[in-house]
Amino acid sequence: MSALFSDTHHFIPATLAPFFQEYDFARLKTQSDSATIIERTLQFGNRAELRWLFTEYARAQIADWFRRYAKERLPDPHITFWRIVLEIKE
């Protein structure tokens, strides 16, 4: 198995695969599936995976996802942490 999966030159680290068990990981696309990828990486990603996330997606796109979905999709401790990191006021 390849270490990375492609979306026309965009790669999702294979180490994130366990967090997408209900998806066909090889078919995930970094752009069309960005909401799911951002969600799972913010919630479960390690430092290397988070570094990848912030390289792959603009900080503004991640912050926009956070504003739209965090209350529904992230546990409270994660919301507090990412609110500080992304400098988002309540």
Protein backbone atom coordinates (compact mmCIF):
# COMPACT_ATOMS: atom_id res chain seq x y z
CA MET A 1 0.00 0.00 0.00
CA SER A 2 1.24 3.47 -0.82
CA ALA A 3 2.18 5.79 2.03
CA LEU A 4 0.01 8.53 0.57
CA PHE A 5 -3.13 8.72 -1.53
CA SER A 6 -3.48 11.19 -4.38
CA ASP A 7 -6.04 13.79 -5.39
CA THR A 8 -4.33 15.19 -8.45
CA HIS A 9 -1.04 15.95 -6.76
CA HIS A 10 -2.59 16.42 -3.31
CA PHE A 11 -1.92 13.77 -0.73
CA ILE A 12 -3.58 12.69 2.48
CA PRO A 13 -1.16 11.10 4.96
CA ALA A 14 -1.88 7.37 5.20
CA THR A 15 -1.48 7.66 8.97
CA LEU A 16 -4.89 9.37 9.02
CA ALA A 17 -6.63 6.33 7.48
CA PRO A 18 -7.78 4.84 10.82
CA PHE A 19 -9.91 7.96 11.40
CA PHE A 20 -11.88 7.46 8.17
CA GLN A 21 -13.06 3.87 8.74
CA GLU A 22 -16.50 4.45 7.24
CA TYR A 23 -14.95 5.89 4.05
CA ASP A 24 -12.93 4.40 1.23
CA PHE A 25 -9.76 6.26 2.20
CA ALA A 26 -8.17 5.81 -1.22
CA ARG A 27 -11.10 7.68 -2.79
CA LEU A 28 -11.06 10.74 -0.52
CA LYS A 29 -10.27 13.96 -2.38
CA THR A 30 -8.50 16.78 -0.59
CA GLN A 31 -10.77 19.44 -2.06
CA SER A 32 -14.20 17.86 -2.41
CA ASP A 33 -13.90 16.05 0.94
CA SER A 34 -12.17 18.90 2.73
CA ALA A 35 -14.81 19.30 5.46
CA THR A 36 -14.44 15.68 6.55
CA ILE A 37 -10.66 15.75 6.27
CA ILE A 38 -10.39 18.96 8.29
CA GLU A 39 -12.77 17.62 10.94
CA ARG A 40 -10.97 14.32 11.46
CA THR A 41 -7.51 15.86 11.39
CA LEU A 42 -8.40 18.58 13.92
CA GLN A 43 -9.89 15.96 16.20
CA PHE A 44 -7.42 13.09 15.85
CA GLY A 45 -4.33 14.33 14.04
CA ASN A 46 -0.85 14.16 15.52
CA ARG A 47 1.70 16.96 15.05
CA ALA A 48 2.86 15.78 11.63
CA GLU A 49 -0.71 15.34 10.40
CA LEU A 50 -1.72 18.76 11.72
CA ARG A 51 1.32 20.30 10.05
CA TRP A 52 0.16 18.67 6.81
CA LEU A 53 -3.38 20.01 7.34
CA PHE A 54 -2.19 23.60 7.71
CA THR A 55 0.01 23.19 4.64
CA GLU A 56 -2.73 21.63 2.53
CA TYR A 57 -5.50 24.07 3.50
CA ALA A 58 -5.37 27.80 4.06
CA ARG A 59 -5.73 28.84 7.70
CA ALA A 60 -8.80 30.86 6.65
CA GLN A 61 -10.43 27.70 5.22
CA ILE A 62 -9.77 25.79 8.44
CA ALA A 63 -11.10 28.70 10.51
CA ASP A 64 -14.20 28.87 8.30
CA TRP A 65 -14.79 25.15 8.83
CA PHE A 66 -14.36 25.69 12.58
CA ARG A 67 -16.92 28.52 12.67
CA ARG A 68 -19.46 26.50 10.68
CA TYR A 69 -19.11 23.01 12.15
CA ALA A 70 -17.00 22.80 15.31
CA LYS A 71 -19.90 23.01 17.79
CA GLU A 72 -21.58 20.02 16.14
CA ARG A 73 -18.54 17.93 15.28
CA LEU A 74 -15.76 18.46 17.82
CA PRO A 75 -15.68 17.63 21.55
CA ASP A 76 -15.61 20.62 23.90
CA PRO A 77 -11.89 20.38 24.83
CA HIS A 78 -11.00 20.41 21.12
CA ILE A 79 -13.24 23.42 20.52
CA THR A 80 -11.52 25.36 23.27
CA PHE A 81 -8.05 24.44 22.01
CA TRP A 82 -8.72 25.23 18.34
CA ARG A 83 -10.53 28.46 19.21
CA ILE A 84 -7.30 29.64 20.86
CA VAL A 85 -5.02 28.37 18.08
CA LEU A 86 -7.19 29.83 15.31
CA GLU A 87 -7.75 33.04 17.32
CA ILE A 88 -11.53 32.83 17.03
CA LYS A 89 -13.63 34.69 19.54
CA GLU A 90 -16.80 33.03 20.84
